[in-house]
Amino acid sequence: MNKCLRSTAILSLLLHLALPLPAQVFSFSREQMVKYTSKNPYERFPDGRPKVPDTILEKVKELTAEEAWAVLNEAKYTNQYEGGFRLLHPGRKLVGRVVTAQFMPSRPDLAEVADADAKESGMTKANNQRVIDLLQRGDVVVVDLFGKIEGGTFVGDNLATAIFSATGTGFVVDGGIRDLEGIFPLDVAAYFRGVHPTPISNVMLTGINIPIRIGNATVMPGDVVLGDREGVYFIPPHLVEEVLKKAEETHIHDEWTKDKFLKGKHKSSELYPTPTDSELKKEYEEYKKRKLGR
């Protein structure tokens, strides 16, 4: 099944799940948001979206995608990673709370209703700005534009600046951007499929803060985005602290192992993935205990 057909199936499902709100076709109600994110252990925004604390997000900035994989794979959350993006600034991490946006190829009868709702509520007619105007500090807008690049440009330099000003983070777009020369000077973390000079066109916004698909990943509003040079992980809130705990042990293991390798006294199989000699095992466990005690 191709991307467009899958998106259509999701839209059909949401017809039964979601309630229409002004200026958008579908969104979770607060009750639905709480139900579908019931494992969230943190506070919530007024609309029910999970609100992972800023202190936790700061710790996530020290992680890598591979460290998230270890915990999520063990917990059977195997569809939370997507790669293959172009990165605006490869050395800049992207961390924040997900706001989802779903687009589909334009269909006049649906687009007319959405545009009329937007006008009635005093919101912009522009599909992309309906999402951007909702963003707040710490958010990361994650956009399903079904891989569209020409005419699938979610932002140019002005709207990218608006996103960065509102959130301080960045964005993930399964589609395109434009005005790359104007966006590049921004200290914004951006993941996108391609660049094209055309403005966004022939698409319609079909959902805000609903489950979406980004490549091979299923993304929920309130997930924690972790983007690095490899790609992007979407971490469910209830697993964030477990990821952090496991990552601390991984950091200690890697620090000790690399130090041993650099001294040039051991073969790789003697140290990795775990020490084979009993004395080395004991040395490592003592080292880990000291570090964790700190």
Protein backbone atom coordinates (compact mmCIF):
# COMPACT_ATOMS: atom_id res chain seq x y z
CA MET A 1 0.00 0.00 0.00
CA ASN A 2 1.49 3.37 -0.98
CA LYS A 3 1.74 6.45 1.22
CA CYS A 4 -1.35 8.20 -0.17
CA LEU A 5 -3.53 5.10 0.32
CA ARG A 6 -2.28 4.69 3.88
CA SER A 7 -3.00 8.34 4.59
CA THR A 8 -6.51 7.91 3.20
CA ALA A 9 -7.03 4.92 5.49
CA ILE A 10 -5.94 6.99 8.48
CA LEU A 11 -8.35 9.75 7.47
CA SER A 12 -11.19 7.22 7.22
CA LEU A 13 -10.40 5.95 10.72
CA LEU A 14 -10.35 9.46 12.13
CA LEU A 15 -13.82 10.11 10.73
CA HIS A 16 -15.00 7.76 13.47
CA LEU A 17 -12.56 8.85 16.18
CA ALA A 18 -12.16 12.59 15.97
CA LEU A 19 -14.37 15.61 16.38
CA PRO A 20 -14.18 18.57 13.98
CA LEU A 21 -12.69 21.76 15.43
CA PRO A 22 -12.63 25.23 13.88
CA ALA A 23 -10.03 25.77 11.16
CA GLN A 24 -9.04 22.14 10.80
CA VAL A 25 -10.65 18.97 9.54
CA PHE A 26 -9.86 16.61 12.42
CA SER A 27 -8.25 16.66 15.84
CA PHE A 28 -8.45 14.62 19.01
CA SER A 29 -10.79 16.00 21.62
CA ARG A 30 -9.20 16.33 25.07
CA GLU A 31 -10.89 13.11 26.16
CA GLN A 32 -9.59 11.23 23.14
CA MET A 33 -6.09 12.67 23.60
CA VAL A 34 -6.01 11.48 27.21
CA LYS A 35 -7.35 8.06 26.21
CA TYR A 36 -4.82 7.47 23.44
CA THR A 37 -1.91 8.74 25.55
CA SER A 38 -3.06 7.14 28.80
CA LYS A 39 0.44 5.92 29.72
CA ASN A 40 1.70 9.50 29.96
CA PRO A 41 3.03 10.08 33.54
CA TYR A 42 3.35 13.86 33.29
CA GLU A 43 1.13 16.93 33.26
CA ARG A 44 -0.85 17.85 30.16
CA PHE A 45 -1.57 20.91 28.07
CA PRO A 46 -5.18 22.18 28.13
CA ASP A 47 -5.98 20.12 25.00
CA GLY A 48 -4.72 16.95 26.72
CA ARG A 49 -1.39 16.72 24.91
CA PRO A 50 1.32 15.22 27.17
CA LYS A 51 3.72 17.81 28.60
CA VAL A 52 7.06 16.19 29.32
CA PRO A 53 8.87 18.60 31.69
CA ASP A 54 11.57 20.94 30.43
CA THR A 55 14.06 19.40 32.87
CA ILE A 56 13.57 16.02 31.17
CA LEU A 57 13.93 17.55 27.71
CA GLU A 58 17.26 19.08 28.71
CA LYS A 59 18.56 15.61 29.63
CA VAL A 60 17.30 14.16 26.34
CA LYS A 61 19.61 16.57 24.50
CA GLU A 62 22.54 14.45 25.69
CA LEU A 63 21.16 11.29 24.04
CA THR A 64 21.74 9.74 20.63
CA ALA A 65 19.23 7.93 18.45
CA GLU A 66 20.99 4.64 19.08
CA GLU A 67 20.58 5.04 22.84
CA ALA A 68 16.85 5.52 22.37
CA TRP A 69 16.70 2.43 20.16
CA ALA A 70 17.92 0.09 22.90
CA VAL A 71 15.01 0.81 25.24
CA LEU A 72 12.29 1.23 22.63
CA ASN A 73 13.24 -1.97 20.84
CA GLU A 74 13.13 -3.93 24.09
CA ALA A 75 9.71 -2.41 24.87
CA LYS A 76 8.51 -3.48 21.38
CA TYR A 77 8.15 0.12 20.16
CA THR A 78 9.90 -0.77 16.92
CA ASN A 79 8.29 1.85 14.65
CA GLN A 80 9.51 5.06 16.26
CA TYR A 81 12.56 5.93 14.11
CA GLU A 82 12.86 7.50 10.68
CA GLY A 83 16.00 8.43 8.75
CA GLY A 84 16.90 9.55 5.26
CA PHE A 85 16.26 13.24 5.91
CA ARG A 86 18.25 16.22 4.78
CA LEU A 87 19.51 18.13 7.82
CA LEU A 88 19.85 21.90 7.93
CA HIS A 89 22.57 21.87 10.63
CA PRO A 90 23.82 18.29 11.20
CA GLY A 91 25.52 19.11 14.50
CA ARG A 92 22.42 20.61 16.11
CA LYS A 93 20.17 18.29 18.14
CA LEU A 94 16.41 18.53 17.81
CA VAL A 95 14.53 17.92 21.07
CA GLY A 96 10.98 18.91 22.00
CA ARG A 97 7.33 17.93 22.34
CA VAL A 98 5.54 16.83 19.19
CA VAL A 99 2.74 18.78 17.53
CA THR A 100 1.52 16.75 14.55
CA ALA A 101 0.14 18.00 11.26
CA GLN A 102 -1.28 15.83 8.50
CA PHE A 103 -1.65 16.94 4.89
CA MET A 104 -3.18 15.15 1.91
CA PRO A 105 -3.49 15.88 -1.79
CA SER A 106 -6.08 18.58 -2.25
CA ARG A 107 -9.74 17.66 -2.82
CA PRO A 108 -12.01 20.67 -3.45
CA ASP A 109 -15.08 19.63 -1.46
CA LEU A 110 -13.07 18.92 1.70
CA ALA A 111 -10.79 21.94 1.26
CA GLU A 112 -13.79 24.28 0.90
CA VAL A 113 -15.19 23.17 4.25
CA ALA A 114 -11.85 23.55 6.02
CA ASP A 115 -11.27 26.98 4.47
CA ALA A 116 -14.76 28.12 5.47
CA ASP A 117 -14.18 26.97 9.05
CA ALA A 118 -10.90 28.85 9.12
CA LYS A 119 -12.48 32.03 7.83
CA GLU A 120 -15.37 31.80 10.30
CA SER A 121 -12.99 31.46 13.24
CA GLY A 122 -10.81 34.34 12.07
CA MET A 123 -7.83 32.15 11.24
CA THR A 124 -5.63 32.33 8.19
CA LYS A 125 -6.63 30.57 5.01
CA ALA A 126 -3.07 29.26 4.61
CA ASN A 127 -2.97 25.59 5.60
CA ASN A 128 0.54 25.62 7.01
CA GLN A 129 0.04 28.76 9.10
CA ARG A 130 -2.98 27.27 10.86
CA VAL A 131 -0.51 24.86 12.47
CA ILE A 132 2.36 27.31 12.95
CA ASP A 133 0.13 29.79 14.79
CA LEU A 134 -0.59 27.13 17.46
CA LEU A 135 3.04 26.44 18.38
CA GLN A 136 4.57 27.36 21.72
CA ARG A 137 7.92 27.10 23.48
CA GLY A 138 9.42 23.62 23.40
CA ASP A 139 7.14 22.31 20.64
CA VAL A 140 8.42 20.57 17.51
CA VAL A 141 6.02 20.55 14.59
CA VAL A 142 6.11 17.19 12.80
CA VAL A 143 4.49 17.33 9.38
CA ASP A 144 3.21 14.50 7.19
CA LEU A 145 3.38 15.89 3.66
CA PHE A 146 3.55 12.37 2.19
CA GLY A 147 7.07 12.99 0.80
CA LYS A 148 5.93 15.79 -1.51
CA ILE A 149 8.72 18.25 -2.41
CA GLU A 150 7.54 20.33 -5.38
CA GLY A 151 4.53 22.18 -3.99
CA GLY A 152 5.09 20.38 -0.69
CA THR A 153 7.22 23.11 0.86
CA PHE A 154 5.87 23.54 4.39
CA VAL A 155 7.96 26.64 5.11
CA GLY A 156 10.27 29.19 3.59
CA ASP A 157 12.61 31.51 5.43
CA ASN A 158 9.90 33.71 6.95
CA LEU A 159 7.75 30.91 8.36
CA ALA A 160 10.81 28.95 9.49
CA THR A 161 11.76 32.06 11.45
CA ALA A 162 8.25 32.19 12.92
CA ILE A 163 8.55 28.53 14.03
CA PHE A 164 11.94 29.09 15.62
CA SER A 165 10.79 32.25 17.36
CA ALA A 166 7.75 30.48 18.84
CA THR A 167 9.40 27.18 19.81
CA GLY A 168 13.16 27.63 20.08
CA THR A 169 13.50 24.14 18.55
CA GLY A 170 12.83 23.26 14.91
CA PHE A 171 10.72 21.03 12.69
CA VAL A 172 10.44 17.66 10.94
CA VAL A 173 8.83 17.71 7.51
CA ASP A 174 8.14 14.59 5.45
CA GLY A 175 8.09 16.88 2.45
CA GLY A 176 9.91 19.99 1.29
CA ILE A 177 11.03 23.44 2.30
CA ARG A 178 11.93 26.51 0.24
CA ASP A 179 14.21 29.57 0.58
CA LEU A 180 17.05 27.43 1.89
CA GLU A 181 19.52 30.31 1.61
CA GLY A 182 17.29 32.36 3.90
CA ILE A 183 16.69 29.53 6.38
CA PHE A 184 20.31 28.43 6.71
CA PRO A 185 21.48 31.33 8.94
CA LEU A 186 18.84 30.41 11.55
CA ASP A 187 20.07 28.30 14.46
CA VAL A 188 17.11 26.00 13.93
CA ALA A 189 17.19 22.18 13.80
CA ALA A 190 15.38 21.13 10.64
CA TYR A 191 14.76 17.73 9.04
CA PHE A 192 13.19 17.62 5.56
CA ARG A 193 13.13 15.51 2.40
CA GLY A 194 14.14 18.10 -0.16
CA VAL A 195 14.13 21.71 -1.33
CA HIS A 196 12.13 23.38 -4.09
CA PRO A 197 11.40 27.02 -4.97
CA THR A 198 7.64 26.49 -5.31
CA PRO A 199 5.28 27.59 -2.52
CA ILE A 200 3.09 24.99 -0.83
CA SER A 201 0.19 24.13 -3.15
CA ASN A 202 -2.34 21.48 -4.17
CA VAL A 203 -2.48 20.07 -0.64
CA MET A 204 -4.92 20.42 2.22
CA LEU A 205 -4.54 20.23 5.98
CA THR A 206 -6.53 17.23 7.22
CA GLY A 207 -5.49 17.00 10.86
CA ILE A 208 -3.70 18.65 13.76
CA ASN A 209 -2.55 16.67 16.81
CA ILE A 210 -3.68 13.28 15.59
CA PRO A 211 -1.59 10.12 14.99
CA ILE A 212 0.46 10.50 11.81
CA ARG A 213 2.95 8.49 9.81
CA ILE A 214 6.44 9.81 9.08
CA GLY A 215 8.15 7.26 6.86
CA ASN A 216 8.29 4.08 8.94
CA ALA A 217 7.41 5.81 12.21
CA THR A 218 4.07 6.26 13.94
CA VAL A 219 4.03 9.64 15.69
CA MET A 220 1.71 10.82 18.44
CA PRO A 221 1.17 14.36 19.73
CA GLY A 222 3.20 14.82 22.89
CA ASP A 223 5.92 12.35 21.90
CA VAL A 224 9.45 13.56 22.56
CA VAL A 225 11.44 14.24 19.39
CA LEU A 226 15.11 13.26 19.45
CA GLY A 227 16.89 14.21 16.25
CA ASP A 228 20.61 13.79 15.64
CA ARG A 229 22.91 13.19 12.65
CA GLU A 230 21.40 9.72 12.04
CA GLY A 231 17.74 10.63 11.99
CA VAL A 232 14.75 11.21 14.24
CA TYR A 233 13.28 9.20 17.12
CA PHE A 234 9.77 9.81 18.44
CA ILE A 235 9.81 8.65 22.07
CA PRO A 236 6.51 7.98 23.90
CA PRO A 237 6.41 10.04 27.13
CA HIS A 238 6.14 7.02 29.42
CA LEU A 239 9.46 5.63 28.11
CA VAL A 240 11.56 8.81 28.23
CA GLU A 241 12.95 8.32 31.74
CA GLU A 242 13.79 4.67 31.06
CA VAL A 243 15.69 5.78 27.94
CA LEU A 244 17.61 8.32 30.04
CA LYS A 245 18.46 5.76 32.72
CA LYS A 246 19.71 3.22 30.19
CA ALA A 247 21.68 5.90 28.36
CA GLU A 248 23.59 6.83 31.51
CA GLU A 249 24.80 3.25 31.86
CA THR A 250 25.68 3.16 28.16
CA HIS A 251 27.73 6.36 28.49
CA ILE A 252 29.68 4.83 31.39
CA HIS A 253 30.26 1.59 29.49
CA ASP A 254 31.46 3.38 26.36
CA GLU A 255 33.71 5.73 28.33
CA TRP A 256 35.43 2.85 30.10
CA THR A 257 35.68 0.66 26.98
CA LYS A 258 37.09 3.39 24.71
CA ASP A 259 39.66 4.34 27.34
CA LYS A 260 40.84 0.73 27.43
CA PHE A 261 41.03 0.53 23.64
CA LEU A 262 43.03 3.75 23.40
CA LYS A 263 45.65 2.30 25.75
CA GLY A 264 46.24 -0.39 23.14
CA LYS A 265 46.51 -3.36 25.49
CA HIS A 266 43.39 -5.34 24.57
CA LYS A 267 41.76 -6.90 21.52
CA SER A 268 38.23 -5.76 20.69
CA SER A 269 36.74 -9.14 21.64
CA GLU A 270 38.25 -8.87 25.12
CA LEU A 271 36.29 -5.71 25.91
CA TYR A 272 33.31 -5.41 23.58
CA PRO A 273 30.41 -5.79 23.96
CA THR A 274 31.35 -6.83 27.50
CA PRO A 275 34.63 -7.74 29.22
CA THR A 276 35.47 -11.43 28.95
CA ASP A 277 38.16 -11.58 31.64
CA SER A 278 36.92 -11.82 35.24
CA GLU A 279 39.33 -9.16 36.47
CA LEU A 280 38.27 -6.77 33.71
CA LYS A 281 34.64 -7.46 34.54
CA LYS A 282 35.28 -6.61 38.16
CA GLU A 283 37.17 -3.45 37.21
CA TYR A 284 34.33 -2.31 34.95
CA GLU A 285 31.61 -3.01 37.54
CA GLU A 286 33.50 -1.02 40.15
CA TYR A 287 33.98 1.82 37.69
CA LYS A 288 30.25 1.82 36.86
CA LYS A 289 29.28 1.76 40.51
CA ARG A 290 31.48 4.82 41.24
CA LYS A 291 30.04 6.71 38.28
CA LEU A 292 26.42 5.92 39.10
CA GLY A 293 27.02 6.77 42.74
CA ARG A 294 28.17 10.17 41.64
